[in-house]
Amino acid sequence: MARVKRTLNRTTRVRKIFRQARGYRGARSRLLRTAICAVWHGLQYQYRDRKVRKREFRSLWITRIGAATKAHGLSYSRFVGGLKRAGIDLNRKMLSQIAIEDPGAFGRLVEISRAA
């Protein structure tokens, strides 16, 4: 019976790992076992940071809205609470964009929030 060699499968797998490890420094891009560990860690970080990115952006939007409301003499929490009571349903990303690009419209939103 012929001996089975898995050359093609192994070569494909190894090539895939080294392709993913391109750009890593030193042994992490040259030695297979080290490259596998580095790539696995990279993929774990990638998975985790897709979630973290959403958190960080939300935090950034809240910071921007807070700064814009402080300029109008209102706190962030009172502003958002007032918008909820007034029935205005804008997400934080849009509020942040309005605060940056159209301060006049944002001022009107602050007034509506303050009235409610």
N, C-alpha and C. Protein backbone atom coordinates (compact mmCIF):
# COMPACT_ATOMS: atom_id res chain seq x y z
N MET A 1 0.84 -1.19 0.00
CA MET A 1 0.00 0.00 0.00
C MET A 1 0.88 1.25 0.00
N ALA A 2 0.46 2.20 -0.77
CA ALA A 2 1.27 3.41 -0.92
C ALA A 2 1.24 4.26 0.35
N ARG A 3 2.35 4.92 0.60
CA ARG A 3 2.44 5.80 1.75
C ARG A 3 1.74 7.12 1.42
N VAL A 4 0.94 7.59 2.35
CA VAL A 4 0.20 8.84 2.11
C VAL A 4 1.03 10.01 2.60
N LYS A 5 1.30 10.93 1.70
CA LYS A 5 1.98 12.16 2.09
C LYS A 5 0.99 13.31 1.89
N ARG A 6 0.90 14.15 2.84
CA ARG A 6 -0.07 15.24 2.75
C ARG A 6 0.61 16.54 2.35
N THR A 7 1.46 16.46 1.38
CA THR A 7 2.27 17.61 1.00
C THR A 7 1.42 18.81 0.59
N LEU A 8 0.50 18.57 -0.31
CA LEU A 8 -0.28 19.69 -0.84
C LEU A 8 -1.12 20.33 0.26
N ASN A 9 -1.78 19.50 1.09
CA ASN A 9 -2.61 20.04 2.17
C ASN A 9 -1.76 20.85 3.14
N ARG A 10 -0.61 20.28 3.52
CA ARG A 10 0.25 20.94 4.49
C ARG A 10 0.79 22.25 3.91
N THR A 11 1.22 22.19 2.66
CA THR A 11 1.77 23.39 2.02
C THR A 11 0.72 24.49 1.97
N THR A 12 -0.49 24.12 1.63
CA THR A 12 -1.58 25.11 1.56
C THR A 12 -1.82 25.73 2.93
N ARG A 13 -1.86 24.87 3.95
CA ARG A 13 -2.11 25.37 5.31
C ARG A 13 -0.99 26.29 5.78
N VAL A 14 0.26 25.86 5.52
CA VAL A 14 1.42 26.65 5.96
C VAL A 14 1.45 27.99 5.22
N ARG A 15 1.18 27.95 3.92
CA ARG A 15 1.18 29.18 3.13
C ARG A 15 0.14 30.17 3.66
N LYS A 16 -1.01 29.63 4.02
CA LYS A 16 -2.10 30.47 4.54
C LYS A 16 -1.66 31.16 5.83
N ILE A 17 -1.01 30.39 6.73
CA ILE A 17 -0.55 30.97 8.00
C ILE A 17 0.48 32.06 7.74
N PHE A 18 1.46 31.78 6.87
CA PHE A 18 2.51 32.76 6.61
C PHE A 18 1.96 34.00 5.90
N ARG A 19 0.93 33.80 5.07
CA ARG A 19 0.31 34.96 4.42
C ARG A 19 -0.34 35.85 5.47
N GLN A 20 -0.99 35.23 6.47
CA GLN A 20 -1.63 36.01 7.53
C GLN A 20 -0.60 36.67 8.44
N ALA A 21 0.59 36.03 8.57
CA ALA A 21 1.63 36.54 9.47
C ALA A 21 2.54 37.56 8.78
N ARG A 22 2.25 37.90 7.54
CA ARG A 22 3.08 38.86 6.83
C ARG A 22 3.03 40.21 7.56
N GLY A 23 4.17 40.82 7.72
CA GLY A 23 4.22 42.10 8.42
C GLY A 23 4.60 41.95 9.88
N TYR A 24 4.53 40.73 10.42
CA TYR A 24 4.98 40.51 11.79
C TYR A 24 6.51 40.53 11.80
N ARG A 25 7.10 40.85 12.94
CA ARG A 25 8.55 41.00 13.01
C ARG A 25 9.22 39.74 13.52
N GLY A 26 10.43 39.48 13.00
CA GLY A 26 11.26 38.41 13.51
C GLY A 26 10.68 37.03 13.28
N ALA A 27 10.80 36.18 14.29
CA ALA A 27 10.39 34.78 14.18
C ALA A 27 8.90 34.64 13.93
N ARG A 28 8.13 35.63 14.32
CA ARG A 28 6.67 35.53 14.18
C ARG A 28 6.24 35.45 12.72
N SER A 29 7.11 35.89 11.81
CA SER A 29 6.77 35.80 10.40
C SER A 29 7.58 34.72 9.68
N ARG A 30 8.50 34.05 10.39
CA ARG A 30 9.39 33.09 9.73
C ARG A 30 9.26 31.66 10.22
N LEU A 31 8.95 31.47 11.50
CA LEU A 31 8.86 30.12 12.06
C LEU A 31 7.40 29.72 12.19
N LEU A 32 7.10 28.50 11.76
CA LEU A 32 5.70 28.09 11.66
C LEU A 32 4.98 28.12 13.00
N ARG A 33 5.56 27.48 14.01
CA ARG A 33 4.86 27.38 15.30
C ARG A 33 4.63 28.76 15.90
N THR A 34 5.64 29.60 15.83
CA THR A 34 5.53 30.96 16.36
C THR A 34 4.50 31.76 15.55
N ALA A 35 4.53 31.57 14.24
CA ALA A 35 3.58 32.29 13.37
C ALA A 35 2.15 31.88 13.67
N ILE A 36 1.94 30.57 13.92
CA ILE A 36 0.59 30.10 14.23
C ILE A 36 0.08 30.78 15.50
N CYS A 37 0.93 30.82 16.54
CA CYS A 37 0.53 31.47 17.80
C CYS A 37 0.22 32.94 17.57
N ALA A 38 1.09 33.62 16.82
CA ALA A 38 0.91 35.04 16.58
C ALA A 38 -0.38 35.31 15.80
N VAL A 39 -0.65 34.48 14.80
CA VAL A 39 -1.85 34.67 13.99
C VAL A 39 -3.10 34.42 14.82
N TRP A 40 -3.08 33.36 15.65
CA TRP A 40 -4.24 33.08 16.50
C TRP A 40 -4.51 34.23 17.45
N HIS A 41 -3.44 34.75 18.07
CA HIS A 41 -3.63 35.89 18.97
C HIS A 41 -4.20 37.08 18.21
N GLY A 42 -3.66 37.30 17.01
CA GLY A 42 -4.15 38.41 16.19
C GLY A 42 -5.62 38.28 15.88
N LEU A 43 -6.05 37.06 15.57
CA LEU A 43 -7.46 36.84 15.26
C LEU A 43 -8.35 37.04 16.49
N GLN A 44 -7.83 36.66 17.66
CA GLN A 44 -8.59 36.88 18.89
C GLN A 44 -8.74 38.38 19.18
N TYR A 45 -7.65 39.12 19.00
CA TYR A 45 -7.72 40.57 19.20
C TYR A 45 -8.68 41.20 18.20
N GLN A 46 -8.64 40.70 16.96
CA GLN A 46 -9.50 41.24 15.92
C GLN A 46 -10.97 41.05 16.30
N TYR A 47 -11.32 39.86 16.78
CA TYR A 47 -12.70 39.57 17.18
C TYR A 47 -13.11 40.48 18.34
N ARG A 48 -12.23 40.58 19.35
CA ARG A 48 -12.54 41.40 20.52
C ARG A 48 -12.70 42.86 20.14
N ASP A 49 -11.79 43.35 19.29
CA ASP A 49 -11.78 44.78 19.01
C ASP A 49 -12.88 45.23 18.08
N ARG A 50 -13.51 44.28 17.37
CA ARG A 50 -14.70 44.68 16.61
C ARG A 50 -15.81 45.11 17.56
N LYS A 51 -15.86 44.50 18.75
CA LYS A 51 -16.84 44.90 19.75
C LYS A 51 -16.42 46.21 20.43
N VAL A 52 -15.11 46.29 20.72
CA VAL A 52 -14.58 47.45 21.45
C VAL A 52 -14.74 48.72 20.61
N ARG A 53 -14.58 48.59 19.27
CA ARG A 53 -14.68 49.76 18.40
C ARG A 53 -16.03 50.44 18.56
N LYS A 54 -17.09 49.65 18.68
CA LYS A 54 -18.44 50.21 18.85
C LYS A 54 -18.54 51.00 20.15
N ARG A 55 -17.93 50.42 21.22
CA ARG A 55 -17.93 51.11 22.51
C ARG A 55 -17.19 52.44 22.43
N GLU A 56 -16.03 52.40 21.77
CA GLU A 56 -15.20 53.61 21.71
C GLU A 56 -15.87 54.71 20.90
N PHE A 57 -16.53 54.34 19.81
CA PHE A 57 -17.22 55.36 19.02
C PHE A 57 -18.37 55.97 19.80
N ARG A 58 -19.13 55.13 20.50
CA ARG A 58 -20.24 55.67 21.30
C ARG A 58 -19.71 56.64 22.35
N SER A 59 -18.59 56.29 22.98
CA SER A 59 -17.97 57.16 23.97
C SER A 59 -17.53 58.49 23.34
N LEU A 60 -16.97 58.41 22.13
CA LEU A 60 -16.54 59.62 21.43
C LEU A 60 -17.74 60.53 21.13
N TRP A 61 -18.83 59.92 20.64
CA TRP A 61 -20.02 60.72 20.33
C TRP A 61 -20.57 61.39 21.58
N ILE A 62 -20.60 60.66 22.69
CA ILE A 62 -21.11 61.21 23.94
C ILE A 62 -20.24 62.37 24.40
N THR A 63 -18.92 62.23 24.26
CA THR A 63 -18.00 63.30 24.65
C THR A 63 -18.25 64.56 23.82
N ARG A 64 -18.42 64.36 22.51
CA ARG A 64 -18.66 65.51 21.62
C ARG A 64 -19.98 66.21 21.95
N ILE A 65 -21.03 65.42 22.18
CA ILE A 65 -22.34 66.00 22.51
C ILE A 65 -22.24 66.74 23.84
N GLY A 66 -21.54 66.12 24.80
CA GLY A 66 -21.38 66.75 26.11
C GLY A 66 -20.68 68.09 26.01
N ALA A 67 -19.63 68.16 25.19
CA ALA A 67 -18.91 69.42 25.01
C ALA A 67 -19.80 70.47 24.35
N ALA A 68 -20.59 70.04 23.37
CA ALA A 68 -21.47 70.99 22.68
C ALA A 68 -22.58 71.49 23.60
N THR A 69 -23.13 70.62 24.45
CA THR A 69 -24.19 71.05 25.36
C THR A 69 -23.65 71.95 26.46
N LYS A 70 -22.41 71.67 26.90
CA LYS A 70 -21.78 72.54 27.92
C LYS A 70 -21.67 73.97 27.40
N ALA A 71 -21.38 74.11 26.09
CA ALA A 71 -21.27 75.44 25.49
C ALA A 71 -22.61 76.18 25.55
N HIS A 72 -23.71 75.43 25.59
CA HIS A 72 -25.04 76.04 25.69
C HIS A 72 -25.55 76.08 27.13
N GLY A 73 -24.70 75.71 28.08
CA GLY A 73 -25.07 75.79 29.49
C GLY A 73 -26.00 74.68 29.94
N LEU A 74 -25.84 73.49 29.43
CA LEU A 74 -26.69 72.37 29.80
C LEU A 74 -25.81 71.13 29.91
N SER A 75 -26.18 70.22 30.80
CA SER A 75 -25.38 68.99 30.92
C SER A 75 -25.88 67.97 29.91
N TYR A 76 -25.04 66.99 29.63
CA TYR A 76 -25.37 65.96 28.65
C TYR A 76 -26.63 65.18 29.06
N SER A 77 -26.67 64.78 30.33
CA SER A 77 -27.79 63.93 30.78
C SER A 77 -29.11 64.69 30.71
N ARG A 78 -29.11 65.96 31.10
CA ARG A 78 -30.34 66.76 31.02
C ARG A 78 -30.76 66.96 29.56
N PHE A 79 -29.77 67.14 28.70
CA PHE A 79 -30.04 67.32 27.26
C PHE A 79 -30.71 66.09 26.69
N VAL A 80 -30.13 64.92 26.93
CA VAL A 80 -30.68 63.68 26.39
C VAL A 80 -32.05 63.38 27.01
N GLY A 81 -32.18 63.61 28.32
CA GLY A 81 -33.47 63.41 28.97
C GLY A 81 -34.54 64.31 28.39
N GLY A 82 -34.19 65.58 28.14
CA GLY A 82 -35.13 66.53 27.54
C GLY A 82 -35.55 66.10 26.14
N LEU A 83 -34.59 65.61 25.36
CA LEU A 83 -34.93 65.13 24.01
C LEU A 83 -35.90 63.95 24.07
N LYS A 84 -35.68 63.06 25.03
CA LYS A 84 -36.58 61.91 25.18
C LYS A 84 -38.00 62.39 25.52
N ARG A 85 -38.08 63.34 26.47
CA ARG A 85 -39.40 63.86 26.85
C ARG A 85 -40.06 64.59 25.70
N ALA A 86 -39.27 65.26 24.87
CA ALA A 86 -39.82 66.00 23.73
C ALA A 86 -40.20 65.07 22.58
N GLY A 87 -39.80 63.80 22.69
CA GLY A 87 -40.16 62.84 21.65
C GLY A 87 -39.25 62.89 20.44
N ILE A 88 -38.06 63.44 20.61
CA ILE A 88 -37.10 63.50 19.50
C ILE A 88 -36.19 62.27 19.60
N ASP A 89 -36.22 61.46 18.55
CA ASP A 89 -35.49 60.20 18.56
C ASP A 89 -34.29 60.29 17.62
N LEU A 90 -33.21 60.90 18.07
CA LEU A 90 -31.97 60.95 17.29
C LEU A 90 -30.90 60.16 18.03
N ASN A 91 -30.16 59.33 17.30
CA ASN A 91 -29.11 58.58 17.97
C ASN A 91 -27.89 59.47 18.22
N ARG A 92 -26.97 58.99 19.01
CA ARG A 92 -25.83 59.80 19.44
C ARG A 92 -24.91 60.15 18.28
N LYS A 93 -24.81 59.25 17.32
CA LYS A 93 -23.96 59.53 16.16
C LYS A 93 -24.49 60.75 15.40
N MET A 94 -25.80 60.79 15.17
CA MET A 94 -26.40 61.90 14.43
C MET A 94 -26.31 63.21 15.23
N LEU A 95 -26.55 63.10 16.54
CA LEU A 95 -26.44 64.30 17.39
C LEU A 95 -25.02 64.87 17.33
N SER A 96 -24.04 63.97 17.36
CA SER A 96 -22.65 64.40 17.29
C SER A 96 -22.36 65.10 15.96
N GLN A 97 -22.84 64.51 14.85
CA GLN A 97 -22.64 65.11 13.53
C GLN A 97 -23.29 66.49 13.46
N ILE A 98 -24.51 66.61 13.99
CA ILE A 98 -25.20 67.90 13.98
C ILE A 98 -24.41 68.92 14.79
N ALA A 99 -23.90 68.50 15.95
CA ALA A 99 -23.14 69.42 16.81
C ALA A 99 -21.91 69.94 16.09
N ILE A 100 -21.27 69.09 15.28
CA ILE A 100 -20.05 69.51 14.58
C ILE A 100 -20.37 70.35 13.36
N GLU A 101 -21.30 69.88 12.53
CA GLU A 101 -21.51 70.48 11.22
C GLU A 101 -22.53 71.63 11.21
N ASP A 102 -23.49 71.63 12.13
CA ASP A 102 -24.53 72.67 12.12
C ASP A 102 -24.83 73.12 13.55
N PRO A 103 -23.97 73.96 14.11
CA PRO A 103 -24.17 74.40 15.50
C PRO A 103 -25.51 75.12 15.73
N GLY A 104 -26.02 75.80 14.72
CA GLY A 104 -27.30 76.49 14.86
C GLY A 104 -28.44 75.51 15.11
N ALA A 105 -28.48 74.45 14.33
CA ALA A 105 -29.51 73.43 14.50
C ALA A 105 -29.35 72.74 15.85
N PHE A 106 -28.11 72.53 16.26
CA PHE A 106 -27.88 71.90 17.56
C PHE A 106 -28.36 72.82 18.68
N GLY A 107 -28.17 74.12 18.52
CA GLY A 107 -28.67 75.09 19.50
C GLY A 107 -30.19 75.02 19.63
N ARG A 108 -30.87 74.83 18.48
CA ARG A 108 -32.33 74.70 18.53
C ARG A 108 -32.74 73.42 19.25
N LEU A 109 -31.97 72.34 19.03
CA LEU A 109 -32.25 71.09 19.75
C LEU A 109 -32.07 71.28 21.25
N VAL A 110 -31.05 72.05 21.63
CA VAL A 110 -30.82 72.31 23.06
C VAL A 110 -32.00 73.08 23.64
N GLU A 111 -32.51 74.05 22.89
CA GLU A 111 -33.66 74.82 23.37
C GLU A 111 -34.89 73.95 23.52
N ILE A 112 -35.12 73.06 22.54
CA ILE A 112 -36.26 72.15 22.63
C ILE A 112 -36.12 71.25 23.85
N SER A 113 -34.91 70.76 24.06
CA SER A 113 -34.64 69.87 25.21
C SER A 113 -34.88 70.62 26.52
N ARG A 114 -34.41 71.86 26.57
CA ARG A 114 -34.55 72.66 27.80
C ARG A 114 -36.04 72.94 28.08
N ALA A 115 -36.81 73.19 27.03
CA ALA A 115 -38.24 73.48 27.20
C ALA A 115 -38.99 72.24 27.71
N ALA A 116 -38.56 71.07 27.24
CA ALA A 116 -39.23 69.84 27.67
C ALA A 116 -38.70 69.46 29.04
